[in-house]
Structures are given as C-alpha cells and as structure tokens.
Amino acid sequence: MPDQTPALKRSRLAHGGFIAALILAALAVLAGPLHRFGVIEFPIARHLLTAAAIGGPVVAIVCLVAAILARPGRGRRGRTQALVGLTLSLLVAGFIWSLVRTAMSLPMIHDITTDPADPPPFTAVLALREPGTNDPAYGGVELARQQKAAYPDIAPLVLPVTPEAAFDRALETAQTLGWQIVASDRAAGRIEAVDTTLWFGFKDDVVIRISHSPEGAVVDLRSASRIGLSDLGANAMRIRRFFAVFKDIG
C-alpha cells in the first residue's frame, strides 16, 4: 500500500530568513575586499557593515520564530535552514558589534608614535596620499595625552648597538613584515613605508627614525592611518608587532 503521509510544506519564513542571513554575511565579508580592490569607496563599505550590524539581530529574530514554527509536529520543514540562518546572523552581528565596542573603548585617534614630544615627521609618503586623507601633521599635546592613556606601553626602544646596526635591523624588520618601503636613508637614520591592511586594504603610513644615544641607538616609530577617525588600535598593534619582530631578528 503506498505511503499516504502528506509531504511537509517548506516554511517560507525559514527559507527567507536563511537567504537574508546569507545576504548579511556576504555584505559583511565582501565589504572589505570590495573596498580593497577599488570596487567601492570606504563610505559605501561602512554602510554595508552598518546594514549587516542592524539587520543581523532582525534576521536572527525572524529565523528564531521560523525555527519554532517549523519544529517537529508542526507540519513544516525548514527548521535546519532557520537554525543555520539564526547562527549565521548572530555571528555576523556579533562580529561587527565587537568592532563597535572596541572603537568605543579606545580614543578616537589614528596616529601613534613612540615619541609624542618629537614625533618623526612624514615626508616621502606624503606624495602617495590622495586628497581627502587625514592630516599628516601630528595632533599635539591632546593627541599625546590620549595615546598615553590608551597605550602606555608605546615607547622608544633603546639598544646597545650602533645606529647603523639598528637601521639595518629595522629595514630587515619592515621587509619581513611585508611593508612597502618608500624611502630609506641609512645616513639619516630614516625609513618610510606603507603597510596595507588585510581586510579593507587600508594604506597606513609608517616612519622609522634611528638616532644616537649614550647607550647606543634609539628606535622610534610613528604609524598613522590615512582614513578614519579611530584606528581600532591598529597602529599601536603595528608598532608592538614591529618591535617584537625586531627583537627576534636581533
């Protein structure tokens, strides 16, 4: 005797929530690469992330309701889709909101240096900056105060070596980190470079200054973002990473 069990109808709500979650994930993931490869400008990429951050909780609620309505015994299929959509939308929203929380916990600064009293100036990299980027001039006392409060560990590195030896190691470190070397002057003890971030392809400028000290040599760095008010701590992390690799090379 043929099976008379009626086929379960697919839940449109579950399917729609799942598709919406996929779209949100695509917006969040592709916003960076699309900006990195010049397809969209940064304001548009930021709007895509905002849409994903706001839409994530909404889609999560839709998927949760769909999962409840499509539970066993309700005559609908699509519960798995709804649960996958719920998980995906929460992950997307959670990731973006974690970036927001990070930004809110840090000062709105994007220019970090080991020597706020006498920050190394940018010169060679200025020609690479497009109109509308952040002012390359250092922000002065107020910026220094905010940096000290947020990143008290950022300080010059003093080494018992000659400035020439420190310069060679600094240049090797920058190359190891994959920075684009724009200018290097061993006699002047200066290196300028550009570091491109992985996700969005932001171009951040870096200047390294090597100077003489009674102990041997002093290594100072300055790292600044070309766009954006807050760097989410990226420039401080870049300086820390430089010094960590610098010490490993030595």
C-alpha atoms as a PDB file:
ATOM      1  CA  MET A   1       0.000   0.000   0.000  1.00  0.00           C
ATOM      2  CA  PRO A   2       1.521   3.377  -0.959  1.00  0.00           C
ATOM      3  CA  ASP A   3       2.552   5.776   1.787  1.00  0.00           C
ATOM      4  CA  GLN A   4      -0.266   8.237   2.383  1.00  0.00           C
ATOM      5  CA  THR A   5       1.823  10.535   4.600  1.00  0.00           C
ATOM      6  CA  PRO A   6       1.469  14.054   3.207  1.00  0.00           C
ATOM      7  CA  ALA A   7       4.668  15.833   2.196  1.00  0.00           C
ATOM      8  CA  LEU A   8       5.718  18.582   4.553  1.00  0.00           C
ATOM      9  CA  LYS A   9       5.464  22.087   3.167  1.00  0.00           C
ATOM     10  CA  ARG A  10       8.582  24.210   3.217  1.00  0.00           C
ATOM     11  CA  SER A  11       8.462  27.115   5.630  1.00  0.00           C
ATOM     12  CA  ARG A  12       8.733  30.306   3.614  1.00  0.00           C
ATOM     13  CA  LEU A  13       9.724  32.177   6.757  1.00  0.00           C
ATOM     14  CA  ALA A  14      12.607  29.788   7.432  1.00  0.00           C
ATOM     15  CA  HIS A  15      13.776  29.903   3.824  1.00  0.00           C
ATOM     16  CA  GLY A  16      13.510  33.677   3.674  1.00  0.00           C
ATOM     17  CA  GLY A  17      15.384  34.094   6.959  1.00  0.00           C
ATOM     18  CA  PHE A  18      18.129  31.781   5.738  1.00  0.00           C
ATOM     19  CA  ILE A  19      18.536  33.720   2.485  1.00  0.00           C
ATOM     20  CA  ALA A  20      18.567  37.013   4.401  1.00  0.00           C
ATOM     21  CA  ALA A  21      21.292  35.665   6.698  1.00  0.00           C
ATOM     22  CA  LEU A  22      23.383  34.672   3.674  1.00  0.00           C
ATOM     23  CA  ILE A  23      22.988  38.168   2.237  1.00  0.00           C
ATOM     24  CA  LEU A  24      24.046  39.757   5.536  1.00  0.00           C
ATOM     25  CA  ALA A  25      27.103  37.511   5.714  1.00  0.00           C
ATOM     26  CA  ALA A  26      28.011  38.427   2.138  1.00  0.00           C
ATOM     27  CA  LEU A  27      27.679  42.140   2.933  1.00  0.00           C
ATOM     28  CA  ALA A  28      29.960  41.823   5.943  1.00  0.00           C
ATOM     29  CA  VAL A  29      32.577  39.596   4.324  1.00  0.00           C
ATOM     30  CA  LEU A  30      32.733  41.330   0.944  1.00  0.00           C
ATOM     31  CA  ALA A  31      32.691  44.926   2.221  1.00  0.00           C
ATOM     32  CA  GLY A  32      36.429  44.746   2.898  1.00  0.00           C
ATOM     33  CA  PRO A  33      37.615  43.092  -0.343  1.00  0.00           C
ATOM     34  CA  LEU A  34      35.348  45.304  -2.462  1.00  0.00           C
ATOM     35  CA  HIS A  35      36.990  48.355  -0.898  1.00  0.00           C
ATOM     36  CA  ARG A  36      40.469  46.822  -1.052  1.00  0.00           C
ATOM     37  CA  PHE A  37      40.248  46.282  -4.814  1.00  0.00           C
ATOM     38  CA  GLY A  38      38.678  49.665  -5.531  1.00  0.00           C
ATOM     39  CA  VAL A  39      35.173  48.483  -6.393  1.00  0.00           C
ATOM     40  CA  ILE A  40      33.518  50.667  -3.734  1.00  0.00           C
ATOM     41  CA  GLU A  41      34.571  53.665  -1.669  1.00  0.00           C
ATOM     42  CA  PHE A  42      35.013  53.448   2.097  1.00  0.00           C
ATOM     43  CA  PRO A  43      31.718  55.224   2.985  1.00  0.00           C
ATOM     44  CA  ILE A  44      29.814  52.599   0.988  1.00  0.00           C
ATOM     45  CA  ALA A  45      31.741  49.773   2.661  1.00  0.00           C
ATOM     46  CA  ARG A  46      30.942  51.298   6.038  1.00  0.00           C
ATOM     47  CA  HIS A  47      27.241  51.445   5.115  1.00  0.00           C
ATOM     48  CA  LEU A  48      27.345  47.756   4.178  1.00  0.00           C
ATOM     49  CA  LEU A  49      28.744  46.878   7.596  1.00  0.00           C
ATOM     50  CA  THR A  50      26.167  49.086   9.281  1.00  0.00           C
ATOM     51  CA  ALA A  51      23.385  47.347   7.382  1.00  0.00           C
ATOM     52  CA  ALA A  52      24.730  43.963   8.445  1.00  0.00           C
ATOM     53  CA  ALA A  53      25.063  45.073  12.072  1.00  0.00           C
ATOM     54  CA  ILE A  54      21.492  46.375  12.213  1.00  0.00           C
ATOM     55  CA  GLY A  55      19.994  43.642  10.076  1.00  0.00           C
ATOM     56  CA  GLY A  56      21.694  40.812  11.946  1.00  0.00           C
ATOM     57  CA  PRO A  57      19.513  40.916  15.084  1.00  0.00           C
ATOM     58  CA  VAL A  58      16.365  41.398  12.986  1.00  0.00           C
ATOM     59  CA  VAL A  59      17.127  38.378  10.817  1.00  0.00           C
ATOM     60  CA  ALA A  60      18.059  36.385  13.920  1.00  0.00           C
ATOM     61  CA  ILE A  61      14.610  37.026  15.389  1.00  0.00           C
ATOM     62  CA  VAL A  62      12.944  36.006  12.124  1.00  0.00           C
ATOM     63  CA  CYS A  63      14.977  32.793  11.999  1.00  0.00           C
ATOM     64  CA  LEU A  64      14.228  32.032  15.641  1.00  0.00           C
ATOM     65  CA  VAL A  65      10.494  32.383  15.058  1.00  0.00           C
ATOM     66  CA  ALA A  66      10.786  30.258  11.918  1.00  0.00           C
ATOM     67  CA  ALA A  67      12.674  27.552  13.818  1.00  0.00           C
ATOM     68  CA  ILE A  68       9.943  27.439  16.457  1.00  0.00           C
ATOM     69  CA  LEU A  69       7.170  27.270  13.873  1.00  0.00           C
ATOM     70  CA  ALA A  70       8.994  24.576  11.897  1.00  0.00           C
ATOM     71  CA  ARG A  71       9.743  22.324  14.856  1.00  0.00           C
ATOM     72  CA  PRO A  72       8.730  18.647  14.562  1.00  0.00           C
ATOM     73  CA  GLY A  73       4.994  18.059  14.571  1.00  0.00           C
ATOM     74  CA  ARG A  74       4.057  21.442  13.122  1.00  0.00           C
ATOM     75  CA  GLY A  75       3.758  20.207   9.525  1.00  0.00           C
ATOM     76  CA  ARG A  76       6.509  22.452   8.146  1.00  0.00           C
ATOM     77  CA  ARG A  77      10.062  21.749   7.090  1.00  0.00           C
ATOM     78  CA  GLY A  78      12.914  24.215   7.156  1.00  0.00           C
ATOM     79  CA  ARG A  79      13.949  24.124  10.799  1.00  0.00           C
ATOM     80  CA  THR A  80      17.558  23.359   9.893  1.00  0.00           C
ATOM     81  CA  GLN A  81      17.650  26.306   7.497  1.00  0.00           C
ATOM     82  CA  ALA A  82      16.194  28.538  10.189  1.00  0.00           C
ATOM     83  CA  LEU A  83      18.761  27.423  12.767  1.00  0.00           C
ATOM     84  CA  VAL A  84      21.636  27.914  10.326  1.00  0.00           C
ATOM     85  CA  GLY A  85      20.291  31.367   9.475  1.00  0.00           C
ATOM     86  CA  LEU A  86      19.957  32.175  13.182  1.00  0.00           C
ATOM     87  CA  THR A  87      23.548  31.159  13.879  1.00  0.00           C
ATOM     88  CA  LEU A  88      24.935  32.967  10.848  1.00  0.00           C
ATOM     89  CA  SER A  89      23.100  36.225  11.519  1.00  0.00           C
ATOM     90  CA  LEU A  90      24.192  36.226  15.165  1.00  0.00           C
ATOM     91  CA  LEU A  91      27.812  35.601  14.172  1.00  0.00           C
ATOM     92  CA  VAL A  92      27.758  38.444  11.649  1.00  0.00           C
ATOM     93  CA  ALA A  93      26.105  40.907  14.013  1.00  0.00           C
ATOM     94  CA  GLY A  94      28.302  39.822  16.921  1.00  0.00           C
ATOM     95  CA  PHE A  95      31.491  40.332  14.939  1.00  0.00           C
ATOM     96  CA  ILE A  96      30.542  43.807  13.738  1.00  0.00           C
ATOM     97  CA  TRP A  97      29.275  44.921  17.129  1.00  0.00           C
ATOM     98  CA  SER A  98      32.526  43.691  18.679  1.00  0.00           C
ATOM     99  CA  LEU A  99      34.327  46.147  16.389  1.00  0.00           C
ATOM    100  CA  VAL A 100      31.972  48.876  17.561  1.00  0.00           C
ATOM    101  CA  ARG A 101      32.669  48.022  21.207  1.00  0.00           C
ATOM    102  CA  THR A 102      36.394  48.126  20.525  1.00  0.00           C
ATOM    103  CA  ALA A 103      36.061  51.548  18.911  1.00  0.00           C
ATOM    104  CA  MET A 104      34.047  52.829  21.875  1.00  0.00           C
ATOM    105  CA  SER A 105      36.624  51.552  24.362  1.00  0.00           C
ATOM    106  CA  LEU A 106      39.507  53.355  22.655  1.00  0.00           C
ATOM    107  CA  PRO A 107      40.131  57.051  21.974  1.00  0.00           C
ATOM    108  CA  MET A 108      39.206  58.350  18.529  1.00  0.00           C
ATOM    109  CA  ILE A 109      42.788  58.635  17.345  1.00  0.00           C
ATOM    110  CA  HIS A 110      44.649  57.198  14.373  1.00  0.00           C
ATOM    111  CA  ASP A 111      48.225  58.492  14.741  1.00  0.00           C
ATOM    112  CA  ILE A 112      50.518  56.697  17.196  1.00  0.00           C
ATOM    113  CA  THR A 113      54.184  57.356  17.907  1.00  0.00           C
ATOM    114  CA  THR A 114      56.829  56.242  20.357  1.00  0.00           C
ATOM    115  CA  ASP A 115      57.902  59.878  20.801  1.00  0.00           C
ATOM    116  CA  PRO A 116      54.903  62.229  21.179  1.00  0.00           C
ATOM    117  CA  ALA A 117      57.198  65.071  22.252  1.00  0.00           C
ATOM    118  CA  ASP A 118      59.137  64.907  18.975  1.00  0.00           C
ATOM    119  CA  PRO A 119      57.267  62.630  16.553  1.00  0.00           C
ATOM    120  CA  PRO A 120      59.125  61.605  13.391  1.00  0.00           C
ATOM    121  CA  PRO A 121      57.587  63.569  10.502  1.00  0.00           C
ATOM    122  CA  PHE A 122      56.275  62.013   7.315  1.00  0.00           C
ATOM    123  CA  THR A 123      57.956  63.253   4.133  1.00  0.00           C
ATOM    124  CA  ALA A 124      58.352  60.712   1.316  1.00  0.00           C
ATOM    125  CA  VAL A 125      54.976  59.023   1.850  1.00  0.00           C
ATOM    126  CA  LEU A 126      53.110  62.320   1.543  1.00  0.00           C
ATOM    127  CA  ALA A 127      53.297  62.115  -2.254  1.00  0.00           C
ATOM    128  CA  LEU A 128      51.355  58.839  -2.113  1.00  0.00           C
ATOM    129  CA  ARG A 129      48.432  60.272  -0.170  1.00  0.00           C
ATOM    130  CA  GLU A 130      45.262  61.076  -2.071  1.00  0.00           C
ATOM    131  CA  PRO A 131      43.183  64.215  -1.423  1.00  0.00           C
ATOM    132  CA  GLY A 132      40.791  63.934   1.495  1.00  0.00           C
ATOM    133  CA  THR A 133      43.006  61.780   3.690  1.00  0.00           C
ATOM    134  CA  ASN A 134      43.769  62.542   7.329  1.00  0.00           C
ATOM    135  CA  ASP A 135      46.063  65.455   8.121  1.00  0.00           C
ATOM    136  CA  PRO A 136      49.628  64.081   8.307  1.00  0.00           C
ATOM    137  CA  ALA A 137      50.602  66.732  10.872  1.00  0.00           C
ATOM    138  CA  TYR A 138      50.826  65.399  14.419  1.00  0.00           C
ATOM    139  CA  GLY A 139      47.908  66.303  16.678  1.00  0.00           C
ATOM    140  CA  GLY A 140      49.963  67.782  19.505  1.00  0.00           C
ATOM    141  CA  VAL A 141      49.516  67.645  23.273  1.00  0.00           C
ATOM    142  CA  GLU A 142      45.921  66.386  23.296  1.00  0.00           C
ATOM    143  CA  LEU A 143      46.730  63.501  20.973  1.00  0.00           C
ATOM    144  CA  ALA A 144      49.754  62.622  23.100  1.00  0.00           C
ATOM    145  CA  ARG A 145      47.592  62.629  26.241  1.00  0.00           C
ATOM    146  CA  GLN A 146      45.025  60.293  24.709  1.00  0.00           C
ATOM    147  CA  GLN A 147      47.720  57.965  23.416  1.00  0.00           C
ATOM    148  CA  LYS A 148      49.428  57.740  26.805  1.00  0.00           C
ATOM    149  CA  ALA A 149      46.135  56.871  28.496  1.00  0.00           C
ATOM    150  CA  ALA A 150      45.246  54.169  25.966  1.00  0.00           C
ATOM    151  CA  TYR A 151      48.676  52.780  25.060  1.00  0.00           C
ATOM    152  CA  PRO A 152      51.124  53.470  27.908  1.00  0.00           C
ATOM    153  CA  ASP A 153      53.489  50.751  26.656  1.00  0.00           C
ATOM    154  CA  ILE A 154      54.267  52.512  23.376  1.00  0.00           C
ATOM    155  CA  ALA A 155      57.767  53.910  23.909  1.00  0.00           C
ATOM    156  CA  PRO A 156      61.133  54.187  22.135  1.00  0.00           C
ATOM    157  CA  LEU A 157      63.414  51.163  22.003  1.00  0.00           C
ATOM    158  CA  VAL A 158      66.935  51.820  23.285  1.00  0.00           C
ATOM    159  CA  LEU A 159      69.625  49.397  22.110  1.00  0.00           C
ATOM    160  CA  PRO A 160      73.321  48.904  22.939  1.00  0.00           C
ATOM    161  CA  VAL A 161      74.252  48.867  19.244  1.00  0.00           C
ATOM    162  CA  THR A 162      75.367  51.424  16.695  1.00  0.00           C
ATOM    163  CA  PRO A 163      72.700  53.428  14.850  1.00  0.00           C
ATOM    164  CA  GLU A 164      73.864  51.795  11.607  1.00  0.00           C
ATOM    165  CA  ALA A 165      73.296  48.305  13.001  1.00  0.00           C
ATOM    166  CA  ALA A 166      69.894  49.340  14.346  1.00  0.00           C
ATOM    167  CA  PHE A 167      68.980  50.790  10.952  1.00  0.00           C
ATOM    168  CA  ASP A 168      69.880  47.588   9.122  1.00  0.00           C
ATOM    169  CA  ARG A 169      67.813  45.530  11.530  1.00  0.00           C
ATOM    170  CA  ALA A 170      64.891  47.974  11.284  1.00  0.00           C
ATOM    171  CA  LEU A 171      64.919  47.794   7.489  1.00  0.00           C
ATOM    172  CA  GLU A 172      65.004  43.993   7.593  1.00  0.00           C
ATOM    173  CA  THR A 173      62.117  44.023  10.063  1.00  0.00           C
ATOM    174  CA  ALA A 174      59.980  46.246   7.847  1.00  0.00           C
ATOM    175  CA  GLN A 175      60.676  43.990   4.875  1.00  0.00           C
ATOM    176  CA  THR A 176      59.888  40.879   6.912  1.00  0.00           C
ATOM    177  CA  LEU A 177      56.529  42.389   7.859  1.00  0.00           C
ATOM    178  CA  GLY A 178      55.741  42.941   4.194  1.00  0.00           C
ATOM    179  CA  TRP A 179      55.711  46.723   4.326  1.00  0.00           C
ATOM    180  CA  GLN A 180      56.213  48.679   1.112  1.00  0.00           C
ATOM    181  CA  ILE A 181      59.467  50.579   1.570  1.00  0.00           C
ATOM    182  CA  VAL A 182      59.009  54.081   0.177  1.00  0.00           C
ATOM    183  CA  ALA A 183      62.301  55.614   1.298  1.00  0.00           C
ATOM    184  CA  SER A 184      65.338  54.542   3.306  1.00  0.00           C
ATOM    185  CA  ASP A 185      68.324  56.684   4.255  1.00  0.00           C
ATOM    186  CA  ARG A 186      70.939  54.913   6.358  1.00  0.00           C
ATOM    187  CA  ALA A 187      72.991  58.046   6.943  1.00  0.00           C
ATOM    188  CA  ALA A 188      69.958  59.993   8.169  1.00  0.00           C
ATOM    189  CA  GLY A 189      68.565  57.005  10.042  1.00  0.00           C
ATOM    190  CA  ARG A 190      65.130  57.204   8.417  1.00  0.00           C
ATOM    191  CA  ILE A 191      62.822  54.657   6.826  1.00  0.00           C
ATOM    192  CA  GLU A 192      59.365  55.411   5.455  1.00  0.00           C
ATOM    193  CA  ALA A 193      56.958  52.667   4.491  1.00  0.00           C
ATOM    194  CA  VAL A 194      53.326  51.827   3.799  1.00  0.00           C
ATOM    195  CA  ASP A 195      51.501  48.906   5.376  1.00  0.00           C
ATOM    196  CA  THR A 196      48.334  47.655   3.653  1.00  0.00           C
ATOM    197  CA  THR A 197      45.750  46.072   5.946  1.00  0.00           C
ATOM    198  CA  LEU A 198      44.465  42.636   5.014  1.00  0.00           C
ATOM    199  CA  TRP A 199      40.684  43.014   5.056  1.00  0.00           C
ATOM    200  CA  PHE A 200      39.923  46.520   3.804  1.00  0.00           C
ATOM    201  CA  GLY A 201      43.257  47.265   2.180  1.00  0.00           C
ATOM    202  CA  PHE A 202      43.744  50.477   4.153  1.00  0.00           C
ATOM    203  CA  LYS A 203      47.053  52.214   3.439  1.00  0.00           C
ATOM    204  CA  ASP A 204      48.714  53.187   6.724  1.00  0.00           C
ATOM    205  CA  ASP A 205      51.922  55.201   6.740  1.00  0.00           C
ATOM    206  CA  VAL A 206      54.917  54.337   8.900  1.00  0.00           C
ATOM    207  CA  VAL A 207      58.116  56.239   9.594  1.00  0.00           C
ATOM    208  CA  ILE A 208      61.071  54.784  11.499  1.00  0.00           C
ATOM    209  CA  ARG A 209      63.744  57.004  13.000  1.00  0.00           C
ATOM    210  CA  ILE A 210      67.098  55.746  14.248  1.00  0.00           C
ATOM    211  CA  SER A 211      69.072  58.161  16.405  1.00  0.00           C
ATOM    212  CA  HIS A 212      72.220  58.056  18.503  1.00  0.00           C
ATOM    213  CA  SER A 213      72.072  57.832  22.291  1.00  0.00           C
ATOM    214  CA  PRO A 214      74.677  57.391  25.042  1.00  0.00           C
ATOM    215  CA  GLU A 215      73.529  53.760  25.302  1.00  0.00           C
ATOM    216  CA  GLY A 216      73.906  53.187  21.564  1.00  0.00           C
ATOM    217  CA  ALA A 217      70.818  53.748  19.415  1.00  0.00           C
ATOM    218  CA  VAL A 218      67.189  54.751  19.854  1.00  0.00           C
ATOM    219  CA  VAL A 219      64.496  53.375  17.556  1.00  0.00           C
ATOM    220  CA  ASP A 220      61.352  55.493  17.222  1.00  0.00           C
ATOM    221  CA  LEU A 221      58.271  54.705  15.168  1.00  0.00           C
ATOM    222  CA  ARG A 222      55.208  56.555  14.041  1.00  0.00           C
ATOM    223  CA  SER A 223      52.244  54.825  12.422  1.00  0.00           C
ATOM    224  CA  ALA A 224      49.218  56.716  11.106  1.00  0.00           C
ATOM    225  CA  SER A 225      46.049  55.797   9.232  1.00  0.00           C
ATOM    226  CA  ARG A 226      45.200  57.757   6.110  1.00  0.00           C
ATOM    227  CA  ILE A 227      41.438  57.481   6.588  1.00  0.00           C
ATOM    228  CA  GLY A 228      39.106  57.063   9.540  1.00  0.00           C
ATOM    229  CA  LEU A 229      38.857  58.717  12.940  1.00  0.00           C
ATOM    230  CA  SER A 230      39.546  55.628  15.049  1.00  0.00           C
ATOM    231  CA  ASP A 231      42.094  53.011  14.040  1.00  0.00           C
ATOM    232  CA  LEU A 232      40.646  50.400  16.446  1.00  0.00           C
ATOM    233  CA  GLY A 233      44.103  50.100  17.964  1.00  0.00           C
ATOM    234  CA  ALA A 234      45.707  49.020  14.685  1.00  0.00           C
ATOM    235  CA  ASN A 235      48.599  51.494  14.749  1.00  0.00           C
ATOM    236  CA  ALA A 236      49.611  50.620  18.304  1.00  0.00           C
ATOM    237  CA  MET A 237      49.457  46.924  17.407  1.00  0.00           C
ATOM    238  CA  ARG A 238      51.623  47.590  14.347  1.00  0.00           C
ATOM    239  CA  ILE A 239      54.303  49.249  16.472  1.00  0.00           C
ATOM    240  CA  ARG A 240      54.204  46.404  19.002  1.00  0.00           C
ATOM    241  CA  ARG A 241      54.479  43.872  16.191  1.00  0.00           C
ATOM    242  CA  PHE A 242      57.433  45.729  14.690  1.00  0.00           C
ATOM    243  CA  PHE A 243      59.354  45.731  17.956  1.00  0.00           C
ATOM    244  CA  ALA A 244      58.564  42.048  18.557  1.00  0.00           C
ATOM    245  CA  VAL A 245      59.927  41.040  15.143  1.00  0.00           C
ATOM    246  CA  PHE A 246      62.825  43.493  15.511  1.00  0.00           C
ATOM    247  CA  LYS A 247      63.896  41.779  18.737  1.00  0.00           C
ATOM    248  CA  ASP A 248      63.507  38.319  17.198  1.00  0.00           C
ATOM    249  CA  ILE A 249      65.752  39.273  14.286  1.00  0.00           C
ATOM    250  CA  GLY A 250      68.384  40.567  16.681  1.00  0.00           C
END
